[in-house]
Amino acid sequence: AIESTTPAQKQKQKTNSSQYPTSTMPKKCAEAALSLLTCMEETECVLKDKKTVSECLKDEIESEACKAQRNAYYTCKHSQLNMRTRIRGVRVY
């Protein structure tokens, strides 16, 4: 008997054979994101006002304490989209 596999089953077999499981795939900006999240969790906005981190990030005054981490995360995400950075690498001044 001939076994027939659907295209969806073939795709699933291809994705399961990758080096990393889908849930633990490494992200380029994960370290910067974790640093920003940790910093924001320690702000008064989250601790005293009991707001979520995303609510506090929208308010620039509340997220002033984590400006360096926020800028690092923005730069990392921007470098993924910027073709010049992807081809030539990060500029060093």
PDB file of N, CA and C in Angstrom:
ATOM      1  N   ALA A   1       0.843  -1.171   0.000  1.00  0.00           N
ATOM      2  CA  ALA A   1       0.000   0.000   0.000  1.00  0.00           C
ATOM      3  C   ALA A   1       0.892   1.239   0.000  1.00  0.00           C
ATOM      4  N   ILE A   2       0.464   2.258  -0.707  1.00  0.00           N
ATOM      5  CA  ILE A   2       1.217   3.493  -0.813  1.00  0.00           C
ATOM      6  C   ILE A   2       0.709   4.463   0.238  1.00  0.00           C
ATOM      7  N   GLU A   3       1.649   5.006   1.000  1.00  0.00           N
ATOM      8  CA  GLU A   3       1.277   5.985   2.019  1.00  0.00           C
ATOM      9  C   GLU A   3       1.215   7.361   1.370  1.00  0.00           C
ATOM     10  N   SER A   4       0.129   8.053   1.600  1.00  0.00           N
ATOM     11  CA  SER A   4       0.025   9.406   1.051  1.00  0.00           C
ATOM     12  C   SER A   4       0.056  10.408   2.206  1.00  0.00           C
ATOM     13  N   THR A   5       0.861  11.430   2.023  1.00  0.00           N
ATOM     14  CA  THR A   5       0.932  12.478   3.026  1.00  0.00           C
ATOM     15  C   THR A   5       0.432  13.772   2.419  1.00  0.00           C
ATOM     16  N   THR A   6      -0.295  14.497   3.209  1.00  0.00           N
ATOM     17  CA  THR A   6      -0.825  15.769   2.736  1.00  0.00           C
ATOM     18  C   THR A   6       0.270  16.827   2.788  1.00  0.00           C
ATOM     19  N   PRO A   7       0.114  17.907   2.055  1.00  0.00           N
ATOM     20  CA  PRO A   7       1.114  18.985   2.122  1.00  0.00           C
ATOM     21  C   PRO A   7       1.292  19.540   3.534  1.00  0.00           C
ATOM     22  N   ALA A   8       0.222  19.577   4.313  1.00  0.00           N
ATOM     23  CA  ALA A   8       0.323  20.068   5.691  1.00  0.00           C
ATOM     24  C   ALA A   8       1.195  19.149   6.535  1.00  0.00           C
ATOM     25  N   GLN A   9       1.078  17.834   6.321  1.00  0.00           N
ATOM     26  CA  GLN A   9       1.900  16.887   7.068  1.00  0.00           C
ATOM     27  C   GLN A   9       3.365  17.002   6.671  1.00  0.00           C
ATOM     28  N   LYS A  10       3.629  17.231   5.386  1.00  0.00           N
ATOM     29  CA  LYS A  10       5.010  17.407   4.924  1.00  0.00           C
ATOM     30  C   LYS A  10       5.629  18.650   5.547  1.00  0.00           C
ATOM     31  N   GLN A  11       4.846  19.748   5.611  1.00  0.00           N
ATOM     32  CA  GLN A  11       5.337  20.993   6.205  1.00  0.00           C
ATOM     33  C   GLN A  11       5.633  20.774   7.687  1.00  0.00           C
ATOM     34  N   LYS A  12       4.775  20.045   8.374  1.00  0.00           N
ATOM     35  CA  LYS A  12       4.970  19.779   9.794  1.00  0.00           C
ATOM     36  C   LYS A  12       6.247  18.967  10.020  1.00  0.00           C
ATOM     37  N   GLN A  13       6.514  18.009   9.144  1.00  0.00           N
ATOM     38  CA  GLN A  13       7.726  17.205   9.260  1.00  0.00           C
ATOM     39  C   GLN A  13       8.963  18.072   9.051  1.00  0.00           C
ATOM     40  N   LYS A  14       8.900  19.020   8.127  1.00  0.00           N
ATOM     41  CA  LYS A  14      10.036  19.912   7.881  1.00  0.00           C
ATOM     42  C   LYS A  14      10.304  20.795   9.088  1.00  0.00           C
ATOM     43  N   THR A  15       9.249  21.347   9.701  1.00  0.00           N
ATOM     44  CA  THR A  15       9.449  22.244  10.830  1.00  0.00           C
ATOM     45  C   THR A  15       9.899  21.488  12.067  1.00  0.00           C
ATOM     46  N   ASN A  16       9.491  20.265  12.234  1.00  0.00           N
ATOM     47  CA  ASN A  16       9.908  19.488  13.403  1.00  0.00           C
ATOM     48  C   ASN A  16      11.358  19.050  13.323  1.00  0.00           C
ATOM     49  N   SER A  17      11.913  19.030  12.134  1.00  0.00           N
ATOM     50  CA  SER A  17      13.290  18.569  11.984  1.00  0.00           C
ATOM     51  C   SER A  17      14.307  19.693  12.120  1.00  0.00           C
ATOM     52  N   SER A  18      13.864  20.911  12.476  1.00  0.00           N
ATOM     53  CA  SER A  18      14.803  22.020  12.612  1.00  0.00           C
ATOM     54  C   SER A  18      15.679  21.839  13.845  1.00  0.00           C
ATOM     55  N   GLN A  19      16.738  22.614  13.912  1.00  0.00           N
ATOM     56  CA  GLN A  19      17.700  22.493  14.995  1.00  0.00           C
ATOM     57  C   GLN A  19      17.098  22.908  16.340  1.00  0.00           C
ATOM     58  N   TYR A  20      16.268  23.948  16.329  1.00  0.00           N
ATOM     59  CA  TYR A  20      15.672  24.456  17.556  1.00  0.00           C
ATOM     60  C   TYR A  20      14.175  24.186  17.567  1.00  0.00           C
ATOM     61  N   PRO A  21      13.638  23.842  18.720  1.00  0.00           N
ATOM     62  CA  PRO A  21      12.179  23.762  18.810  1.00  0.00           C
ATOM     63  C   PRO A  21      11.585  25.158  18.619  1.00  0.00           C
ATOM     64  N   THR A  22      10.378  25.227  18.120  1.00  0.00           N
ATOM     65  CA  THR A  22       9.760  26.509  17.804  1.00  0.00           C
ATOM     66  C   THR A  22       9.635  27.393  19.033  1.00  0.00           C
ATOM     67  N   SER A  23       9.323  26.838  20.184  1.00  0.00           N
ATOM     68  CA  SER A  23       9.087  27.649  21.377  1.00  0.00           C
ATOM     69  C   SER A  23      10.366  28.250  21.956  1.00  0.00           C
ATOM     70  N   THR A  24      11.523  27.659  21.695  1.00  0.00           N
ATOM     71  CA  THR A  24      12.766  28.167  22.273  1.00  0.00           C
ATOM     72  C   THR A  24      13.702  28.738  21.210  1.00  0.00           C
ATOM     73  N   MET A  25      13.156  29.132  20.077  1.00  0.00           N
ATOM     74  CA  MET A  25      13.993  29.683  19.015  1.00  0.00           C
ATOM     75  C   MET A  25      14.652  30.976  19.492  1.00  0.00           C
ATOM     76  N   PRO A  26      15.956  31.118  19.319  1.00  0.00           N
ATOM     77  CA  PRO A  26      16.639  32.309  19.822  1.00  0.00           C
ATOM     78  C   PRO A  26      16.209  33.562  19.076  1.00  0.00           C
ATOM     79  N   LYS A  27      16.094  34.651  19.806  1.00  0.00           N
ATOM     80  CA  LYS A  27      15.726  35.924  19.207  1.00  0.00           C
ATOM     81  C   LYS A  27      16.904  36.868  19.352  1.00  0.00           C
ATOM     82  N   LYS A  28      17.101  37.679  18.336  1.00  0.00           N
ATOM     83  CA  LYS A  28      18.260  38.550  18.312  1.00  0.00           C
ATOM     84  C   LYS A  28      18.214  39.609  19.412  1.00  0.00           C
ATOM     85  N   CYS A  29      17.044  40.157  19.688  1.00  0.00           N
ATOM     86  CA  CYS A  29      16.909  41.246  20.655  1.00  0.00           C
ATOM     87  C   CYS A  29      16.367  40.775  22.001  1.00  0.00           C
ATOM     88  N   ALA A  30      16.441  39.502  22.284  1.00  0.00           N
ATOM     89  CA  ALA A  30      15.868  38.967  23.519  1.00  0.00           C
ATOM     90  C   ALA A  30      16.545  39.549  24.760  1.00  0.00           C
ATOM     91  N   GLU A  31      17.856  39.729  24.709  1.00  0.00           N
ATOM     92  CA  GLU A  31      18.574  40.263  25.870  1.00  0.00           C
ATOM     93  C   GLU A  31      18.173  41.712  26.153  1.00  0.00           C
ATOM     94  N   ALA A  32      18.053  42.511  25.105  1.00  0.00           N
ATOM     95  CA  ALA A  32      17.638  43.905  25.265  1.00  0.00           C
ATOM     96  C   ALA A  32      16.193  43.982  25.757  1.00  0.00           C
ATOM     97  N   ALA A  33      15.336  43.115  25.258  1.00  0.00           N
ATOM     98  CA  ALA A  33      13.936  43.103  25.676  1.00  0.00           C
ATOM     99  C   ALA A  33      13.817  42.700  27.136  1.00  0.00           C
ATOM    100  N   LEU A  34      14.583  41.706  27.548  1.00  0.00           N
ATOM    101  CA  LEU A  34      14.549  41.262  28.944  1.00  0.00           C
ATOM    102  C   LEU A  34      15.074  42.347  29.869  1.00  0.00           C
ATOM    103  N   SER A  35      16.102  43.052  29.452  1.00  0.00           N
ATOM    104  CA  SER A  35      16.652  44.145  30.246  1.00  0.00           C
ATOM    105  C   SER A  35      15.619  45.256  30.419  1.00  0.00           C
ATOM    106  N   LEU A  36      14.920  45.609  29.346  1.00  0.00           N
ATOM    107  CA  LEU A  36      13.880  46.635  29.417  1.00  0.00           C
ATOM    108  C   LEU A  36      12.729  46.181  30.313  1.00  0.00           C
ATOM    109  N   LEU A  37      12.313  44.938  30.170  1.00  0.00           N
ATOM    110  CA  LEU A  37      11.224  44.404  30.982  1.00  0.00           C
ATOM    111  C   LEU A  37      11.582  44.401  32.457  1.00  0.00           C
ATOM    112  N   THR A  38      12.783  43.986  32.787  1.00  0.00           N
ATOM    113  CA  THR A  38      13.239  43.952  34.179  1.00  0.00           C
ATOM    114  C   THR A  38      13.273  45.356  34.767  1.00  0.00           C
ATOM    115  N   CYS A  39      13.778  46.302  33.992  1.00  0.00           N
ATOM    116  CA  CYS A  39      13.843  47.689  34.451  1.00  0.00           C
ATOM    117  C   CYS A  39      12.442  48.245  34.686  1.00  0.00           C
ATOM    118  N   MET A  40      11.538  48.007  33.753  1.00  0.00           N
ATOM    119  CA  MET A  40      10.177  48.536  33.872  1.00  0.00           C
ATOM    120  C   MET A  40       9.416  47.914  35.038  1.00  0.00           C
ATOM    121  N   GLU A  41       9.700  46.657  35.349  1.00  0.00           N
ATOM    122  CA  GLU A  41       9.025  46.005  36.473  1.00  0.00           C
ATOM    123  C   GLU A  41       9.430  46.613  37.810  1.00  0.00           C
ATOM    124  N   GLU A  42      10.570  47.289  37.847  1.00  0.00           N
ATOM    125  CA  GLU A  42      11.054  47.900  39.087  1.00  0.00           C
ATOM    126  C   GLU A  42      10.652  49.366  39.229  1.00  0.00           C
ATOM    127  N   THR A  43       9.930  49.919  38.256  1.00  0.00           N
ATOM    128  CA  THR A  43       9.517  51.323  38.329  1.00  0.00           C
ATOM    129  C   THR A  43       8.311  51.491  39.249  1.00  0.00           C
ATOM    130  N   GLU A  44       8.112  52.724  39.713  1.00  0.00           N
ATOM    131  CA  GLU A  44       6.978  53.019  40.587  1.00  0.00           C
ATOM    132  C   GLU A  44       5.656  52.813  39.870  1.00  0.00           C
ATOM    133  N   CYS A  45       5.638  53.049  38.588  1.00  0.00           N
ATOM    134  CA  CYS A  45       4.420  52.890  37.797  1.00  0.00           C
ATOM    135  C   CYS A  45       3.856  51.478  37.931  1.00  0.00           C
ATOM    136  N   VAL A  46       4.722  50.489  37.865  1.00  0.00           N
ATOM    137  CA  VAL A  46       4.284  49.098  37.955  1.00  0.00           C
ATOM    138  C   VAL A  46       4.069  48.692  39.410  1.00  0.00           C
ATOM    139  N   LEU A  47       5.004  49.083  40.281  1.00  0.00           N
ATOM    140  CA  LEU A  47       4.934  48.636  41.667  1.00  0.00           C
ATOM    141  C   LEU A  47       3.822  49.321  42.473  1.00  0.00           C
ATOM    142  N   LYS A  48       3.757  50.643  42.421  1.00  0.00           N
ATOM    143  CA  LYS A  48       2.793  51.371  43.252  1.00  0.00           C
ATOM    144  C   LYS A  48       1.450  51.568  42.564  1.00  0.00           C
ATOM    145  N   ASP A  49       1.481  51.934  41.281  1.00  0.00           N
ATOM    146  CA  ASP A  49       0.237  52.220  40.568  1.00  0.00           C
ATOM    147  C   ASP A  49      -0.447  50.964  40.047  1.00  0.00           C
ATOM    148  N   LYS A  50       0.242  49.838  40.105  1.00  0.00           N
ATOM    149  CA  LYS A  50      -0.288  48.538  39.680  1.00  0.00           C
ATOM    150  C   LYS A  50      -0.737  48.535  38.208  1.00  0.00           C
ATOM    151  N   LYS A  51      -0.005  49.267  37.374  1.00  0.00           N
ATOM    152  CA  LYS A  51      -0.273  49.257  35.937  1.00  0.00           C
ATOM    153  C   LYS A  51       0.556  48.154  35.293  1.00  0.00           C
ATOM    154  N   THR A  52       0.185  47.777  34.085  1.00  0.00           N
ATOM    155  CA  THR A  52       0.979  46.789  33.366  1.00  0.00           C
ATOM    156  C   THR A  52       2.215  47.466  32.774  1.00  0.00           C
ATOM    157  N   VAL A  53       3.181  46.672  32.403  1.00  0.00           N
ATOM    158  CA  VAL A  53       4.418  47.203  31.823  1.00  0.00           C
ATOM    159  C   VAL A  53       4.116  47.934  30.513  1.00  0.00           C
ATOM    160  N   SER A  54       3.233  47.376  29.694  1.00  0.00           N
ATOM    161  CA  SER A  54       2.917  48.017  28.415  1.00  0.00           C
ATOM    162  C   SER A  54       2.227  49.365  28.623  1.00  0.00           C
ATOM    163  N   GLU A  55       1.392  49.484  29.648  1.00  0.00           N
ATOM    164  CA  GLU A  55       0.768  50.775  29.951  1.00  0.00           C
ATOM    165  C   GLU A  55       1.809  51.800  30.391  1.00  0.00           C
ATOM    166  N   CYS A  56       2.758  51.366  31.185  1.00  0.00           N
ATOM    167  CA  CYS A  56       3.803  52.271  31.663  1.00  0.00           C
ATOM    168  C   CYS A  56       4.758  52.672  30.537  1.00  0.00           C
ATOM    169  N   LEU A  57       5.002  51.785  29.585  1.00  0.00           N
ATOM    170  CA  LEU A  57       5.879  52.109  28.461  1.00  0.00           C
ATOM    171  C   LEU A  57       5.269  53.174  27.559  1.00  0.00           C
ATOM    172  N   LYS A  58       3.953  53.212  27.467  1.00  0.00           N
ATOM    173  CA  LYS A  58       3.285  54.205  26.615  1.00  0.00           C
ATOM    174  C   LYS A  58       3.428  55.612  27.184  1.00  0.00           C
ATOM    175  N   ASP A  59       3.562  55.717  28.494  1.00  0.00           N
ATOM    176  CA  ASP A  59       3.711  57.015  29.135  1.00  0.00           C
ATOM    177  C   ASP A  59       5.197  57.335  29.239  1.00  0.00           C
ATOM    178  N   GLU A  60       5.650  58.337  28.488  1.00  0.00           N
ATOM    179  CA  GLU A  60       7.079  58.654  28.442  1.00  0.00           C
ATOM    180  C   GLU A  60       7.626  59.119  29.784  1.00  0.00           C
ATOM    181  N   ILE A  61       6.813  59.798  30.571  1.00  0.00           N
ATOM    182  CA  ILE A  61       7.266  60.283  31.879  1.00  0.00           C
ATOM    183  C   ILE A  61       7.527  59.106  32.819  1.00  0.00           C
ATOM    184  N   GLU A  62       6.643  58.127  32.787  1.00  0.00           N
ATOM    185  CA  GLU A  62       6.797  56.953  33.652  1.00  0.00           C
ATOM    186  C   GLU A  62       7.983  56.086  33.238  1.00  0.00           C
ATOM    187  N   SER A  63       8.277  56.033  31.945  1.00  0.00           N
ATOM    188  CA  SER A  63       9.351  55.156  31.465  1.00  0.00           C
ATOM    189  C   SER A  63      10.689  55.876  31.352  1.00  0.00           C
ATOM    190  N   GLU A  64      10.801  57.073  31.914  1.00  0.00           N
ATOM    191  CA  GLU A  64      12.042  57.865  31.854  1.00  0.00           C
ATOM    192  C   GLU A  64      13.207  57.136  32.537  1.00  0.00           C
ATOM    193  N   ALA A  65      12.921  56.391  33.597  1.00  0.00           N
ATOM    194  CA  ALA A  65      13.970  55.691  34.342  1.00  0.00           C
ATOM    195  C   ALA A  65      14.663  54.625  33.485  1.00  0.00           C
ATOM    196  N   CYS A  66      13.955  54.091  32.512  1.00  0.00           N
ATOM    197  CA  CYS A  66      14.499  53.008  31.688  1.00  0.00           C
ATOM    198  C   CYS A  66      14.808  53.479  30.270  1.00  0.00           C
ATOM    199  N   LYS A  67      15.165  54.730  30.131  1.00  0.00           N
ATOM    200  CA  LYS A  67      15.394  55.308  28.809  1.00  0.00           C
ATOM    201  C   LYS A  67      16.535  54.612  28.071  1.00  0.00           C
ATOM    202  N   ALA A  68      17.613  54.275  28.756  1.00  0.00           N
ATOM    203  CA  ALA A  68      18.759  53.622  28.115  1.00  0.00           C
ATOM    204  C   ALA A  68      18.379  52.230  27.596  1.00  0.00           C
ATOM    205  N   GLN A  69      17.648  51.475  28.402  1.00  0.00           N
ATOM    206  CA  GLN A  69      17.226  50.135  27.985  1.00  0.00           C
ATOM    207  C   GLN A  69      16.235  50.212  26.820  1.00  0.00           C
ATOM    208  N   ARG A  70      15.350  51.209  26.876  1.00  0.00           N
ATOM    209  CA  ARG A  70      14.373  51.379  25.810  1.00  0.00           C
ATOM    210  C   ARG A  70      15.071  51.747  24.498  1.00  0.00           C
ATOM    211  N   ASN A  71      16.071  52.611  24.577  1.00  0.00           N
ATOM    212  CA  ASN A  71      16.825  53.012  23.397  1.00  0.00           C
ATOM    213  C   ASN A  71      17.619  51.829  22.827  1.00  0.00           C
ATOM    214  N   ALA A  72      18.185  51.011  23.695  1.00  0.00           N
ATOM    215  CA  ALA A  72      18.945  49.837  23.242  1.00  0.00           C
ATOM    216  C   ALA A  72      18.029  48.845  22.521  1.00  0.00           C
ATOM    217  N   TYR A  73      16.832  48.652  23.059  1.00  0.00           N
ATOM    218  CA  TYR A  73      15.871  47.739  22.432  1.00  0.00           C
ATOM    219  C   TYR A  73      15.421  48.294  21.077  1.00  0.00           C
ATOM    220  N   TYR A  74      15.141  49.602  21.018  1.00  0.00           N
ATOM    221  CA  TYR A  74      14.742  50.234  19.762  1.00  0.00           C
ATOM    222  C   TYR A  74      15.848  50.084  18.718  1.00  0.00           C
ATOM    223  N   THR A  75      17.078  50.338  19.107  1.00  0.00           N
ATOM    224  CA  THR A  75      18.206  50.246  18.178  1.00  0.00           C
ATOM    225  C   THR A  75      18.356  48.824  17.641  1.00  0.00           C
ATOM    226  N   CYS A  76      18.186  47.850  18.508  1.00  0.00           N
ATOM    227  CA  CYS A  76      18.298  46.449  18.102  1.00  0.00           C
ATOM    228  C   CYS A  76      17.204  46.099  17.095  1.00  0.00           C
ATOM    229  N   LYS A  77      15.960  46.460  17.395  1.00  0.00           N
ATOM    230  CA  LYS A  77      14.862  46.153  16.490  1.00  0.00           C
ATOM    231  C   LYS A  77      15.017  46.899  15.161  1.00  0.00           C
ATOM    232  N   HIS A  78      15.474  48.141  15.222  1.00  0.00           N
ATOM    233  CA  HIS A  78      15.664  48.938  14.013  1.00  0.00           C
ATOM    234  C   HIS A  78      16.759  48.326  13.134  1.00  0.00           C
ATOM    235  N   SER A  79      17.794  47.812  13.749  1.00  0.00           N
ATOM    236  CA  SER A  79      18.895  47.233  12.973  1.00  0.00           C
ATOM    237  C   SER A  79      18.464  45.972  12.234  1.00  0.00           C
ATOM    238  N   GLN A  80      17.419  45.303  12.717  1.00  0.00           N
ATOM    239  CA  GLN A  80      16.919  44.122  12.013  1.00  0.00           C
ATOM    240  C   GLN A  80      16.204  44.515  10.723  1.00  0.00           C
ATOM    241  N   LEU A  81      15.605  45.696  10.711  1.00  0.00           N
ATOM    242  CA  LEU A  81      14.854  46.143   9.546  1.00  0.00           C
ATOM    243  C   LEU A  81      15.691  46.967   8.578  1.00  0.00           C
ATOM    244  N   ASN A  82      16.754  47.577   9.073  1.00  0.00           N
ATOM    245  CA  ASN A  82      17.583  48.460   8.271  1.00  0.00           C
ATOM    246  C   ASN A  82      18.503  47.636   7.375  1.00  0.00           C
ATOM    247  N   MET A  83      18.316  47.734   6.074  1.00  0.00           N
ATOM    248  CA  MET A  83      19.108  46.937   5.135  1.00  0.00           C
ATOM    249  C   MET A  83      20.591  47.301   5.173  1.00  0.00           C
ATOM    250  N   ARG A  84      20.914  48.570   5.385  1.00  0.00           N
ATOM    251  CA  ARG A  84      22.314  48.975   5.452  1.00  0.00           C
ATOM    252  C   ARG A  84      23.015  48.242   6.598  1.00  0.00           C
ATOM    253  N   THR A  85      22.370  48.193   7.748  1.00  0.00           N
ATOM    254  CA  THR A  85      22.952  47.518   8.903  1.00  0.00           C
ATOM    255  C   THR A  85      23.066  46.020   8.652  1.00  0.00           C
ATOM    256  N   ARG A  86      22.053  45.448   8.013  1.00  0.00           N
ATOM    257  CA  ARG A  86      22.071  44.007   7.768  1.00  0.00           C
ATOM    258  C   ARG A  86      23.187  43.624   6.809  1.00  0.00           C
ATOM    259  N   ILE A  87      23.483  44.483   5.832  1.00  0.00           N
ATOM    260  CA  ILE A  87      24.503  44.154   4.832  1.00  0.00           C
ATOM    261  C   ILE A  87      25.905  44.542   5.300  1.00  0.00           C
ATOM    262  N   ARG A  88      26.046  45.773   5.789  1.00  0.00           N
ATOM    263  CA  ARG A  88      27.373  46.293   6.136  1.00  0.00           C
ATOM    264  C   ARG A  88      27.749  46.115   7.596  1.00  0.00           C
ATOM    265  N   GLY A  89      26.803  45.837   8.437  1.00  0.00           N
ATOM    266  CA  GLY A  89      27.074  45.720   9.861  1.00  0.00           C
ATOM    267  C   GLY A  89      26.829  47.031  10.575  1.00  0.00           C
ATOM    268  N   VAL A  90      26.972  47.021  11.870  1.00  0.00           N
ATOM    269  CA  VAL A  90      26.712  48.196  12.696  1.00  0.00           C
ATOM    270  C   VAL A  90      27.824  49.219  12.487  1.00  0.00           C
ATOM    271  N   ARG A  91      27.437  50.488  12.316  1.00  0.00           N
ATOM    272  CA  ARG A  91      28.422  51.552  12.145  1.00  0.00           C
ATOM    273  C   ARG A  91      29.106  51.857  13.467  1.00  0.00           C
ATOM    274  N   VAL A  92      30.399  52.047  13.415  1.00  0.00           N
ATOM    275  CA  VAL A  92      31.171  52.408  14.600  1.00  0.00           C
ATOM    276  C   VAL A  92      31.766  53.778  14.363  1.00  0.00           C
ATOM    277  N   TYR A  93      31.506  54.690  15.273  1.00  0.00           N
ATOM    278  CA  TYR A  93      31.998  56.066  15.120  1.00  0.00           C
ATOM    279  C   TYR A  93      33.258  56.281  15.909  1.00  0.00           C
TER     280      TYR A  93
END
